[in-house]
Amino acid sequence: MTQDKAYAQALANKTTDFAGWYNDVVMRAELAEEAPVRGCMVVRPYGWTLWENAQSILDRKFKETDVVNAAFPLLIPRSFLVKESDHVEGFVPEVAWVTQVGSGQEELAEPLAVRPTSEAIIGPIYAKWVQSYRDLPLLINQWCSVVRWEKRPRLFLRTSEFWWQEGHTAHASQEEAEERTRMMLEVYRSFLEEDMAIPVIPGLKSEAQKFPGALRTYTVEAMMGDGRALQAGTSHNLGDHFARAYDIQFLDESNERRYAWTTSWGMSTRIIGAMVMVHGDQQGLVLPPRVAPYQAVIIPIWRADEQKAAVLEAVDRIAKTLKAAGIRIKVDASEGKSAGWKFNEWELKGVPVRIEVGPRDVENNSVVLARRDRPGKEGKEFVSQDGLSGHLAALLEDIQSALYSKAAAFREANTVDVKLEQELAEVVGARKFARAYWGGDPEGEERIKQATGATTRCIPLEQSGVEGKSITTGKPTSQQAIFARAY
C-alpha cells in the first residue's frame, strides 16, 4: 500500500460508522482533540480559525442590530443562581461549584457556580443599570466559555466546557422583547444558511423543550449527515420572569415602576461539529468558503530541480495576486511529501479549492483548479492565470451555493410526513425527520419520546395553514411539528 493510499483510507467508514468517522475527521483534520480533563477539549489552531471566522461574521451581524459587546464574571454566587427556581432546576445537574480556595483549602463563605449561562449574574447587574425607560433597551452580547458538566462528551457537540456567544437584552415592553427574540433568530438563520451553507428550520420549542425559565424559546434546527437533528442556535423570550427574580425595574414615561422584559440568545462551537457532519465526506472535511481558514491551497509541482525556480516564482506571483484580492490563500511548498500526499491532506482539511501549478502550467500561463465539493475530473478545470482572482472568487461563491443546495436536498429527501405514531417510530428509527400534525399535548409528546427516543425538535414558524389530525390525540389542528432523534 502506498503512503498516499494509506492516508486516504485512515478514516472510519462514514456510512457504517458515522460516529467513528466524525471523530476521525475532527482529530485528523486537526480541529480539536480531547483534553486531560474529562469532557473538555483542546481546540487546535485550524479549528479555532474556523470559530474565529464564524465569530467575525456573527459579531458584525449582531452589531448591525445595535448590539454591543461586554464581559461578565465567570463565577456566580449560589444565592444569585437560585433566585429563579425554574432556571436553577434546569441547570443544577450540570453546574460545577467552587467551594474552596488556596493551598489550605479554605472554605468559601458562599459556593460559587462556574458559569453554565449568565442570566443569574447579568440580572443583578442590569438591575443596577436600569432605572428609567431612558436606560432601555439594553442590547449586550458577550463571547466566552461556559461549563456544563457532560456525562457523554463528544468533541464540539457536547463538552463540559464550550465556547459561545450569549446575548442578553432588556426592554420596556413585551412586544419589544419578542421582536428582539425573533430578530436574533433571523440573524442565526441567515448566518447558518448563507455563511455556513447549513439549511435550518426556524421554529418554536415545545413547553417541554424550552429553556428553563423562559416564556418561549425559538430554535434553528439542522439535519446532520446521518439524519439526526442538531439544535444549532436558540433565542429566548424570557418574559418578565428574570426581571422579577433579579428586580430589574424602571420608571416608565408615566413615572410608574415596571419590570423590564428580557431576552437571551446563544450559538456555540457546536456549529463547527454541525459543519463537519452536514458537509463532510469520506475524504474528510468539506468547508464552506465563507468560513474556511484557507479558501484555496496552492500546490507547486516539479520533478526536476531546474523546474523548481520557475514554478515557485509563478506560485509566489499568483499567491500575492489572490491575497491582494482578499482571498485566503495557503501555499504548500513543503518538500519531502508527494503531490498526492498533499492532495489528500488538504482534501481531509476541506479547503474549498486546490490550485495546482506545474512546469507546463508555467509555460501555458495557466493553472489547474480542483474544487473540493466535486471529486475527480468533474471538479477540475484549466484556467488562465490572467483574471484568476475574479474566476476564483466566482468559483468560491458557486461552491458556497452548491453546498447549501446539496444539504437542503438531503434534508428534503429525508423528511417524511407521518400520520400515525407507529409510522413516526419507523421514520425516526431510520434516522429521518418526521413531520406530523401535533396539537401540543405534553402527554403525547412524552409518550413518543419514551417509545422512540425522538423529541419534538420544533414547531416550524412556516406552516401550511392546512388542517389535519394530531398524531397523538387525533383532534383537528393546523400545527405541524418536527420529530427526530438528536445530538
Protein backbone atom coordinates (compact mmCIF):
# COMPACT_ATOMS: atom_id res chain seq x y z
CA MET A 1 0.00 0.00 0.00
CA THR A 2 1.41 3.40 -0.95
CA GLN A 3 1.75 6.26 1.54
CA ASP A 4 -0.96 8.22 -0.31
CA LYS A 5 -3.47 5.35 -0.26
CA ALA A 6 -2.80 4.65 3.40
CA TYR A 7 -3.51 8.30 4.18
CA ALA A 8 -6.81 8.24 2.32
CA GLN A 9 -8.03 5.02 3.97
CA ALA A 10 -7.38 6.14 7.55
CA LEU A 11 -10.91 7.45 8.20
CA ALA A 12 -13.69 5.24 9.53
CA ASN A 13 -16.45 4.46 7.04
CA LYS A 14 -18.97 7.30 7.07
CA THR A 15 -21.88 5.09 6.05
CA THR A 16 -21.39 2.25 8.53
CA ASP A 17 -19.67 4.08 11.39
CA PHE A 18 -20.77 7.71 11.34
CA ALA A 19 -19.64 8.39 14.92
CA GLY A 20 -16.20 6.93 14.27
CA TRP A 21 -15.93 8.85 11.00
CA TYR A 22 -16.86 12.10 12.77
CA ASN A 23 -14.22 11.64 15.49
CA ASP A 24 -11.59 10.69 12.91
CA VAL A 25 -12.31 13.80 10.82
CA VAL A 26 -12.26 16.19 13.78
CA MET A 27 -8.94 14.85 15.06
CA ARG A 28 -7.19 14.02 11.79
CA ALA A 29 -8.11 17.39 10.27
CA GLU A 30 -6.63 18.98 13.42
CA LEU A 31 -9.80 20.76 14.50
CA ALA A 32 -9.72 19.58 18.11
CA GLU A 33 -8.61 16.84 20.46
CA GLU A 34 -9.55 15.58 23.90
CA ALA A 35 -8.13 17.49 26.87
CA PRO A 36 -6.55 15.99 30.02
CA VAL A 37 -9.75 16.98 31.87
CA ARG A 38 -12.51 14.51 31.04
CA GLY A 39 -15.26 16.04 28.94
CA CYS A 40 -13.19 19.04 27.83
CA MET A 41 -11.44 19.66 24.53
CA VAL A 42 -8.44 21.42 23.09
CA VAL A 43 -9.45 23.43 20.02
CA ARG A 44 -6.45 23.41 17.70
CA PRO A 45 -5.45 26.42 15.56
CA TYR A 46 -7.22 25.18 12.41
CA GLY A 47 -10.44 24.60 14.35
CA TRP A 48 -10.10 27.88 16.24
CA THR A 49 -9.65 29.80 12.99
CA LEU A 50 -12.95 28.33 11.80
CA TRP A 51 -14.56 29.59 15.02
CA GLU A 52 -12.86 33.00 14.67
CA ASN A 53 -14.20 33.35 11.12
CA ALA A 54 -17.69 32.43 12.31
CA GLN A 55 -17.31 34.84 15.24
CA SER A 56 -16.29 37.65 12.95
CA ILE A 57 -19.37 37.22 10.75
CA LEU A 58 -21.75 36.84 13.69
CA ASP A 59 -20.25 39.77 15.57
CA ARG A 60 -20.74 42.01 12.55
CA LYS A 61 -24.34 40.85 12.17
CA PHE A 62 -25.02 41.49 15.87
CA LYS A 63 -23.60 44.99 15.71
CA GLU A 64 -25.74 45.76 12.67
CA THR A 65 -28.71 45.34 15.05
CA ASP A 66 -27.14 47.77 17.59
CA VAL A 67 -25.83 45.07 19.94
CA VAL A 68 -22.56 45.86 21.75
CA ASN A 69 -20.10 43.53 23.49
CA ALA A 70 -19.19 43.36 27.18
CA ALA A 71 -17.77 40.80 29.62
CA PHE A 72 -19.34 39.44 32.80
CA PRO A 73 -17.91 37.30 35.63
CA LEU A 74 -17.15 33.60 35.25
CA LEU A 75 -18.20 32.83 38.82
CA ILE A 76 -21.78 33.21 40.06
CA PRO A 77 -22.76 33.27 43.77
CA ARG A 78 -25.12 30.45 44.68
CA SER A 79 -27.65 32.95 46.06
CA PHE A 80 -27.85 34.58 42.61
CA LEU A 81 -28.34 31.28 40.79
CA VAL A 82 -31.22 30.05 42.97
CA LYS A 83 -33.35 33.18 42.64
CA GLU A 84 -35.14 31.90 39.53
CA SER A 85 -36.42 28.44 40.52
CA ASP A 86 -37.18 27.01 37.06
CA HIS A 87 -33.81 28.20 35.80
CA VAL A 88 -31.75 26.68 38.61
CA GLU A 89 -33.70 23.41 38.49
CA GLY A 90 -32.86 23.05 34.80
CA PHE A 91 -29.14 23.64 35.29
CA VAL A 92 -28.22 22.23 38.74
CA PRO A 93 -27.30 18.73 37.44
CA GLU A 94 -24.71 20.29 35.11
CA VAL A 95 -23.27 23.00 37.39
CA ALA A 96 -19.67 22.86 38.63
CA TRP A 97 -19.09 24.53 42.00
CA VAL A 98 -16.11 26.29 43.57
CA THR A 99 -16.25 25.72 47.33
CA GLN A 100 -12.62 26.02 48.46
CA VAL A 101 -9.67 28.27 47.71
CA GLY A 102 -5.92 28.25 48.40
CA SER A 103 -3.48 25.55 49.48
CA GLY A 104 -5.16 25.40 52.88
CA GLN A 105 -8.46 24.60 51.17
CA GLU A 106 -10.21 27.47 52.89
CA GLU A 107 -13.98 27.10 52.62
CA LEU A 108 -15.72 29.92 50.78
CA ALA A 109 -18.46 31.73 52.68
CA GLU A 110 -20.75 31.07 49.71
CA PRO A 111 -20.28 28.45 46.96
CA LEU A 112 -19.67 29.89 43.50
CA ALA A 113 -21.07 28.32 40.36
CA VAL A 114 -18.82 28.16 37.31
CA ARG A 115 -20.91 29.92 34.67
CA PRO A 116 -23.30 27.48 32.90
CA THR A 117 -25.02 30.54 31.34
CA SER A 118 -25.09 34.13 32.54
CA GLU A 119 -28.68 35.17 33.26
CA ALA A 120 -28.09 34.79 37.01
CA ILE A 121 -25.07 37.13 37.09
CA ILE A 122 -26.24 39.60 34.45
CA GLY A 123 -29.70 40.06 36.01
CA PRO A 124 -28.40 41.70 39.25
CA ILE A 125 -26.05 43.90 37.20
CA TYR A 126 -28.84 45.01 34.88
CA ALA A 127 -30.90 45.83 38.00
CA LYS A 128 -28.26 48.46 38.87
CA TRP A 129 -28.01 49.83 35.34
CA VAL A 130 -31.73 50.12 34.59
CA GLN A 131 -33.58 52.87 36.47
CA SER A 132 -35.59 54.66 33.79
CA TYR A 133 -37.19 53.87 30.45
CA ARG A 134 -34.40 56.03 29.03
CA ASP A 135 -31.93 53.28 30.01
CA LEU A 136 -33.70 50.83 27.72
CA PRO A 137 -33.23 48.89 25.62
CA LEU A 138 -30.01 47.28 26.85
CA LEU A 139 -28.53 45.26 23.96
CA ILE A 140 -25.42 43.40 25.10
CA ASN A 141 -23.55 40.28 23.98
CA GLN A 142 -20.52 38.52 25.39
CA TRP A 143 -18.09 36.00 23.88
CA CYS A 144 -16.94 33.49 26.48
CA SER A 145 -16.79 29.86 27.52
CA VAL A 146 -19.26 28.14 29.83
CA VAL A 147 -19.18 24.90 31.83
CA ARG A 148 -21.96 22.32 31.88
CA TRP A 149 -20.76 19.01 33.25
CA GLU A 150 -21.18 16.49 30.45
CA LYS A 151 -21.51 12.76 31.13
CA ARG A 152 -21.29 11.64 27.49
CA PRO A 153 -18.87 14.05 25.81
CA ARG A 154 -18.28 14.33 22.08
CA LEU A 155 -15.89 16.86 20.54
CA PHE A 156 -17.66 20.12 19.64
CA LEU A 157 -21.14 18.62 20.07
CA ARG A 158 -21.19 18.05 23.82
CA THR A 159 -18.25 19.03 26.02
CA SER A 160 -18.12 20.15 29.64
CA GLU A 161 -16.55 23.43 28.56
CA PHE A 162 -17.51 25.04 25.29
CA TRP A 163 -17.19 28.46 23.68
CA TRP A 164 -20.13 30.55 22.59
CA GLN A 165 -21.73 33.92 22.47
CA GLU A 166 -24.63 34.81 24.71
CA GLY A 167 -26.72 37.87 24.12
CA HIS A 168 -28.78 39.45 26.91
CA THR A 169 -31.20 42.28 26.29
CA ALA A 170 -33.70 44.22 28.41
CA HIS A 171 -36.74 46.09 27.06
CA ALA A 172 -39.55 48.35 28.15
CA SER A 173 -42.32 46.15 26.69
CA GLN A 174 -43.14 42.55 25.94
CA GLU A 175 -43.60 43.45 22.27
CA GLU A 176 -40.06 44.86 22.03
CA ALA A 177 -38.64 41.75 23.72
CA GLU A 178 -40.49 39.46 21.34
CA GLU A 179 -39.31 41.49 18.35
CA ARG A 180 -35.69 41.20 19.52
CA THR A 181 -36.05 37.46 20.18
CA ARG A 182 -37.28 36.86 16.64
CA MET A 183 -34.74 39.28 15.20
CA MET A 184 -31.82 37.32 16.65
CA LEU A 185 -33.30 34.05 15.46
CA GLU A 186 -33.26 35.50 11.96
CA VAL A 187 -29.62 36.51 12.43
CA TYR A 188 -28.83 32.88 13.26
CA ARG A 189 -30.81 31.59 10.30
CA SER A 190 -29.10 33.91 7.85
CA PHE A 191 -25.65 33.10 9.24
CA LEU A 192 -26.15 29.33 9.14
CA GLU A 193 -27.73 29.25 5.69
CA GLU A 194 -25.75 31.99 3.94
CA ASP A 195 -22.33 31.61 5.58
CA MET A 196 -22.19 28.02 6.87
CA ALA A 197 -24.32 26.65 3.98
CA ILE A 198 -26.39 24.70 6.55
CA PRO A 199 -30.16 24.69 5.88
CA VAL A 200 -32.17 25.10 9.07
CA ILE A 201 -35.77 25.04 10.23
CA PRO A 202 -36.61 28.09 12.37
CA GLY A 203 -39.25 27.18 14.89
CA LEU A 204 -40.73 27.33 18.35
CA LYS A 205 -39.71 24.86 21.04
CA SER A 206 -42.44 22.99 22.87
CA GLU A 207 -43.08 23.75 26.53
CA ALA A 208 -41.14 20.62 27.50
CA GLN A 209 -38.14 21.57 25.35
CA LYS A 210 -37.87 25.30 26.06
CA PHE A 211 -35.08 26.99 28.03
CA PRO A 212 -35.56 26.74 31.83
CA GLY A 213 -37.41 29.84 33.00
CA ALA A 214 -38.20 31.19 29.53
CA LEU A 215 -41.58 32.42 28.37
CA ARG A 216 -40.86 30.86 24.98
CA THR A 217 -37.82 29.52 23.12
CA TYR A 218 -37.14 29.71 19.41
CA THR A 219 -34.62 27.45 17.68
CA VAL A 220 -32.93 26.77 14.37
CA GLU A 221 -32.81 23.00 13.79
CA ALA A 222 -30.48 21.35 11.29
CA MET A 223 -30.28 17.83 9.86
CA MET A 224 -26.89 16.15 10.10
CA GLY A 225 -25.41 13.75 7.56
CA ASP A 226 -26.74 10.73 9.47
CA GLY A 227 -30.28 12.10 9.65
CA ARG A 228 -30.14 13.17 13.28
CA ALA A 229 -31.12 16.67 14.35
CA LEU A 230 -28.88 19.29 15.90
CA GLN A 231 -30.07 22.40 17.73
CA ALA A 232 -27.80 24.96 16.08
CA GLY A 233 -28.87 28.09 17.96
CA THR A 234 -31.60 29.32 20.29
CA SER A 235 -33.27 32.62 21.08
CA HIS A 236 -35.33 33.01 24.26
CA ASN A 237 -38.04 35.46 25.21
CA LEU A 238 -37.66 35.41 28.99
CA GLY A 239 -40.78 37.49 29.63
CA ASP A 240 -40.51 39.41 32.89
CA HIS A 241 -39.64 36.27 34.90
CA PHE A 242 -35.95 37.04 35.30
CA ALA A 243 -36.62 40.75 35.80
CA ARG A 244 -38.87 39.87 38.75
CA ALA A 245 -36.32 37.41 40.14
CA TYR A 246 -33.46 39.93 39.93
CA ASP A 247 -35.51 43.10 40.48
CA ILE A 248 -34.85 44.76 37.12
CA GLN A 249 -37.30 47.67 37.39
CA PHE A 250 -37.62 51.03 35.69
CA LEU A 251 -39.78 54.15 35.79
CA ASP A 252 -41.84 54.36 32.61
CA GLU A 253 -42.90 57.55 30.82
CA SER A 254 -45.88 57.87 33.21
CA ASN A 255 -43.48 57.69 36.16
CA GLU A 256 -44.78 54.25 37.14
CA ARG A 257 -42.43 51.49 38.23
CA ARG A 258 -42.44 48.45 35.97
CA TYR A 259 -40.42 45.27 35.45
CA ALA A 260 -38.31 45.01 32.32
CA TRP A 261 -38.78 42.34 29.68
CA THR A 262 -35.63 40.38 28.86
CA THR A 263 -34.22 38.04 26.22
CA SER A 264 -31.21 35.81 25.84
CA TRP A 265 -29.83 34.04 22.78
CA GLY A 266 -26.80 31.88 22.09
CA MET A 267 -24.80 29.97 19.50
CA SER A 268 -21.77 27.85 20.34
CA THR A 269 -18.80 25.96 18.92
CA ARG A 270 -21.16 23.04 18.24
CA ILE A 271 -21.78 24.72 14.86
CA ILE A 272 -18.27 23.52 13.92
CA GLY A 273 -19.44 19.97 14.60
CA ALA A 274 -22.58 20.65 12.58
CA MET A 275 -20.50 21.84 9.64
CA VAL A 276 -18.41 18.64 9.76
CA MET A 277 -21.50 16.40 9.80
CA VAL A 278 -23.52 18.30 7.20
CA HIS A 279 -20.85 18.76 4.53
CA GLY A 280 -18.12 16.18 5.22
CA ASP A 281 -17.49 13.13 3.02
CA GLN A 282 -15.32 10.01 3.08
CA GLN A 283 -12.22 12.10 2.32
CA GLY A 284 -12.82 14.38 5.31
CA LEU A 285 -13.94 17.97 5.75
CA VAL A 286 -15.72 19.98 3.08
CA LEU A 287 -15.60 23.60 4.19
CA PRO A 288 -17.92 26.42 3.11
CA PRO A 289 -15.68 29.07 1.54
CA ARG A 290 -17.02 31.94 3.67
CA VAL A 291 -15.70 30.43 6.92
CA ALA A 292 -12.82 28.26 5.67
CA PRO A 293 -9.42 29.16 7.20
CA TYR A 294 -7.95 28.90 3.70
CA GLN A 295 -10.21 29.32 0.69
CA ALA A 296 -7.62 27.88 -1.66
CA VAL A 297 -4.34 26.00 -1.32
CA ILE A 298 -1.65 26.35 -3.98
CA ILE A 299 0.45 23.25 -4.55
CA PRO A 300 3.57 23.72 -6.71
CA ILE A 301 4.62 20.60 -8.62
CA TRP A 302 8.00 19.91 -10.18
CA ARG A 303 10.09 16.86 -10.95
CA ALA A 304 13.47 18.22 -11.97
CA ASP A 305 15.45 20.74 -9.92
CA GLU A 306 15.73 23.07 -12.92
CA GLN A 307 11.90 23.37 -12.95
CA LYS A 308 11.64 24.37 -9.29
CA ALA A 309 12.63 28.05 -9.51
CA ALA A 310 10.22 28.90 -12.35
CA VAL A 311 7.32 27.09 -10.67
CA LEU A 312 7.91 28.75 -7.29
CA GLU A 313 8.25 32.14 -8.91
CA ALA A 314 4.86 31.69 -10.62
CA VAL A 315 3.29 30.42 -7.39
CA ASP A 316 4.58 33.42 -5.45
CA ARG A 317 3.18 35.82 -8.05
CA ILE A 318 -0.21 34.05 -8.10
CA ALA A 319 -0.43 33.96 -4.29
CA LYS A 320 0.27 37.68 -3.98
CA THR A 321 -2.37 38.50 -6.58
CA LEU A 322 -5.01 36.36 -4.89
CA LYS A 323 -4.22 37.69 -1.41
CA ALA A 324 -4.48 41.24 -2.72
CA ALA A 325 -7.96 40.34 -3.97
CA GLY A 326 -8.94 39.34 -0.41
CA ILE A 327 -8.85 35.57 -0.94
CA ARG A 328 -7.42 33.49 1.93
CA ILE A 329 -4.53 31.51 0.44
CA LYS A 330 -2.17 28.80 1.69
CA VAL A 331 0.94 27.85 -0.31
CA ASP A 332 2.14 24.31 0.39
CA ALA A 333 5.68 24.24 -0.96
CA SER A 334 6.85 21.75 1.69
CA GLU A 335 9.32 19.16 0.47
CA GLY A 336 9.59 15.50 1.41
CA LYS A 337 5.91 14.88 0.63
CA SER A 338 4.48 13.77 -2.70
CA ALA A 339 1.91 15.86 -4.53
CA GLY A 340 -0.60 13.06 -3.96
CA TRP A 341 0.03 13.17 -0.21
CA LYS A 342 -0.60 16.92 -0.21
CA PHE A 343 -3.78 16.49 -2.24
CA ASN A 344 -5.07 14.01 0.35
CA GLU A 345 -4.05 16.20 3.28
CA TRP A 346 -5.80 19.32 2.01
CA GLU A 347 -8.83 17.31 0.94
CA LEU A 348 -9.02 15.99 4.51
CA LYS A 349 -8.83 19.57 5.78
CA GLY A 350 -11.63 20.60 3.44
CA VAL A 351 -10.01 23.52 1.62
CA PRO A 352 -12.60 24.59 -0.99
CA VAL A 353 -10.22 24.87 -3.96
CA ARG A 354 -6.85 23.33 -4.78
CA ILE A 355 -4.66 25.22 -7.25
CA GLU A 356 -2.01 23.11 -9.00
CA VAL A 357 0.92 24.80 -10.70
CA GLY A 358 3.45 22.72 -12.64
CA PRO A 359 6.07 23.37 -15.34
CA ARG A 360 3.55 23.02 -18.16
CA ASP A 361 1.21 25.48 -16.40
CA VAL A 362 4.07 27.98 -16.18
CA GLU A 363 4.68 27.60 -19.92
CA ASN A 364 0.98 27.96 -20.76
CA ASN A 365 0.30 30.77 -18.26
CA SER A 366 -2.40 28.57 -16.71
CA VAL A 367 -3.29 26.72 -13.50
CA VAL A 368 -5.39 23.70 -12.60
CA LEU A 369 -8.33 24.39 -10.26
CA ALA A 370 -9.83 21.44 -8.35
CA ARG A 371 -12.94 22.11 -6.29
CA ARG A 372 -13.28 20.12 -3.08
CA ASP A 373 -17.03 19.53 -3.33
CA ARG A 374 -16.71 17.70 -6.67
CA PRO A 375 -14.03 14.99 -6.53
CA GLY A 376 -12.20 13.76 -9.61
CA LYS A 377 -12.26 15.07 -13.15
CA GLU A 378 -15.71 16.64 -12.75
CA GLY A 379 -14.32 19.21 -10.34
CA LYS A 380 -11.18 20.10 -12.31
CA GLU A 381 -10.62 22.84 -14.85
CA PHE A 382 -7.69 24.55 -16.57
CA VAL A 383 -7.84 28.33 -16.44
CA SER A 384 -5.58 31.21 -17.38
CA GLN A 385 -3.50 32.96 -14.73
CA ASP A 386 -4.81 36.21 -16.20
CA GLY A 387 -8.00 37.17 -14.38
CA LEU A 388 -7.56 34.27 -11.97
CA SER A 389 -8.71 36.21 -8.88
CA GLY A 390 -12.08 37.04 -10.46
CA HIS A 391 -12.55 33.49 -11.69
CA LEU A 392 -11.66 32.03 -8.30
CA ALA A 393 -13.96 34.42 -6.42
CA ALA A 394 -16.87 33.34 -8.63
CA LEU A 395 -15.94 29.69 -8.15
CA LEU A 396 -15.94 30.07 -4.37
CA GLU A 397 -19.43 31.57 -4.44
CA ASP A 398 -20.59 28.70 -6.65
CA ILE A 399 -19.18 26.18 -4.16
CA GLN A 400 -20.90 28.00 -1.28
CA SER A 401 -24.23 27.81 -3.10
CA ALA A 402 -23.73 24.20 -4.18
CA LEU A 403 -23.03 23.05 -0.63
CA TYR A 404 -26.25 24.63 0.61
CA SER A 405 -28.29 23.15 -2.23
CA LYS A 406 -26.89 19.68 -1.63
CA ALA A 407 -27.61 19.82 2.11
CA ALA A 408 -31.12 21.18 1.50
CA ALA A 409 -31.87 18.39 -0.99
CA PHE A 410 -30.61 15.81 1.53
CA ARG A 411 -32.90 17.17 4.24
CA GLU A 412 -35.89 17.25 1.89
CA ALA A 413 -35.26 13.66 0.81
CA ASN A 414 -35.05 12.55 4.43
CA THR A 415 -38.11 14.34 5.82
CA VAL A 416 -41.27 12.25 5.88
CA ASP A 417 -44.86 13.26 6.61
CA VAL A 418 -46.42 10.81 9.06
CA LYS A 419 -49.94 10.37 10.43
CA LEU A 420 -49.59 7.56 12.99
CA GLU A 421 -47.26 7.11 15.95
CA GLN A 422 -46.07 3.76 14.54
CA GLU A 423 -45.12 5.49 11.29
CA LEU A 424 -43.25 8.11 13.30
CA ALA A 425 -41.32 5.40 15.15
CA GLU A 426 -40.28 3.80 11.86
CA VAL A 427 -39.19 7.10 10.32
CA VAL A 428 -37.08 8.30 13.25
CA GLY A 429 -35.72 4.76 13.62
CA ALA A 430 -34.41 5.14 10.07
CA ARG A 431 -32.78 8.43 11.18
CA LYS A 432 -35.04 10.75 9.29
CA PHE A 433 -37.14 13.76 10.28
CA ALA A 434 -40.80 13.02 10.89
CA ARG A 435 -43.19 15.88 10.19
CA ALA A 436 -46.59 15.44 11.80
CA TYR A 437 -49.65 17.36 12.89
CA TRP A 438 -49.46 17.82 16.64
CA GLY A 439 -51.70 19.88 18.89
CA GLY A 440 -49.15 20.43 21.64
CA ASP A 441 -50.27 17.91 24.27
CA PRO A 442 -47.35 17.12 26.61
CA GLU A 443 -48.58 13.59 27.41
CA GLY A 444 -48.39 12.52 23.78
CA GLU A 445 -45.03 14.24 23.36
CA GLU A 446 -43.58 12.32 26.32
CA ARG A 447 -45.08 9.06 25.06
CA ILE A 448 -43.35 9.50 21.70
CA LYS A 449 -40.07 10.31 23.42
CA GLN A 450 -40.20 7.22 25.64
CA ALA A 451 -41.23 4.93 22.78
CA THR A 452 -38.89 6.20 20.05
CA GLY A 453 -36.13 8.30 21.60
CA ALA A 454 -37.31 11.19 19.41
CA THR A 455 -38.00 14.66 20.72
CA THR A 456 -40.08 17.50 19.39
CA ARG A 457 -37.35 19.44 17.63
CA CYS A 458 -39.55 22.44 16.84
CA ILE A 459 -42.88 23.74 15.65
CA PRO A 460 -41.78 25.39 12.38
CA LEU A 461 -42.58 29.08 12.07
CA GLU A 462 -43.58 28.43 8.48
CA GLN A 463 -46.83 26.45 8.49
CA SER A 464 -49.04 25.40 5.58
CA GLY A 465 -52.24 26.50 7.36
CA VAL A 466 -53.91 23.29 6.20
CA GLU A 467 -55.74 21.42 8.95
CA GLY A 468 -55.01 17.82 9.88
CA LYS A 469 -55.35 15.41 12.81
CA SER A 470 -52.90 15.48 15.71
CA ILE A 471 -50.69 12.40 15.68
CA THR A 472 -51.10 11.98 19.44
CA THR A 473 -54.77 12.82 20.04
CA GLY A 474 -56.48 12.62 16.67
CA LYS A 475 -58.00 16.04 17.27
CA PRO A 476 -58.05 18.68 14.48
CA THR A 477 -55.08 21.07 14.38
CA SER A 478 -53.32 23.19 11.79
CA GLN A 479 -49.99 22.97 13.63
CA GLN A 480 -47.23 20.68 12.41
CA ALA A 481 -44.07 19.75 14.32
CA ILE A 482 -40.75 18.11 13.51
CA PHE A 483 -39.82 14.98 15.48
CA ALA A 484 -36.33 13.43 15.36
CA ARG A 485 -33.57 11.87 17.35
CA ALA A 486 -30.97 14.50 18.14
CA TYR A 487 -27.42 15.12 19.23
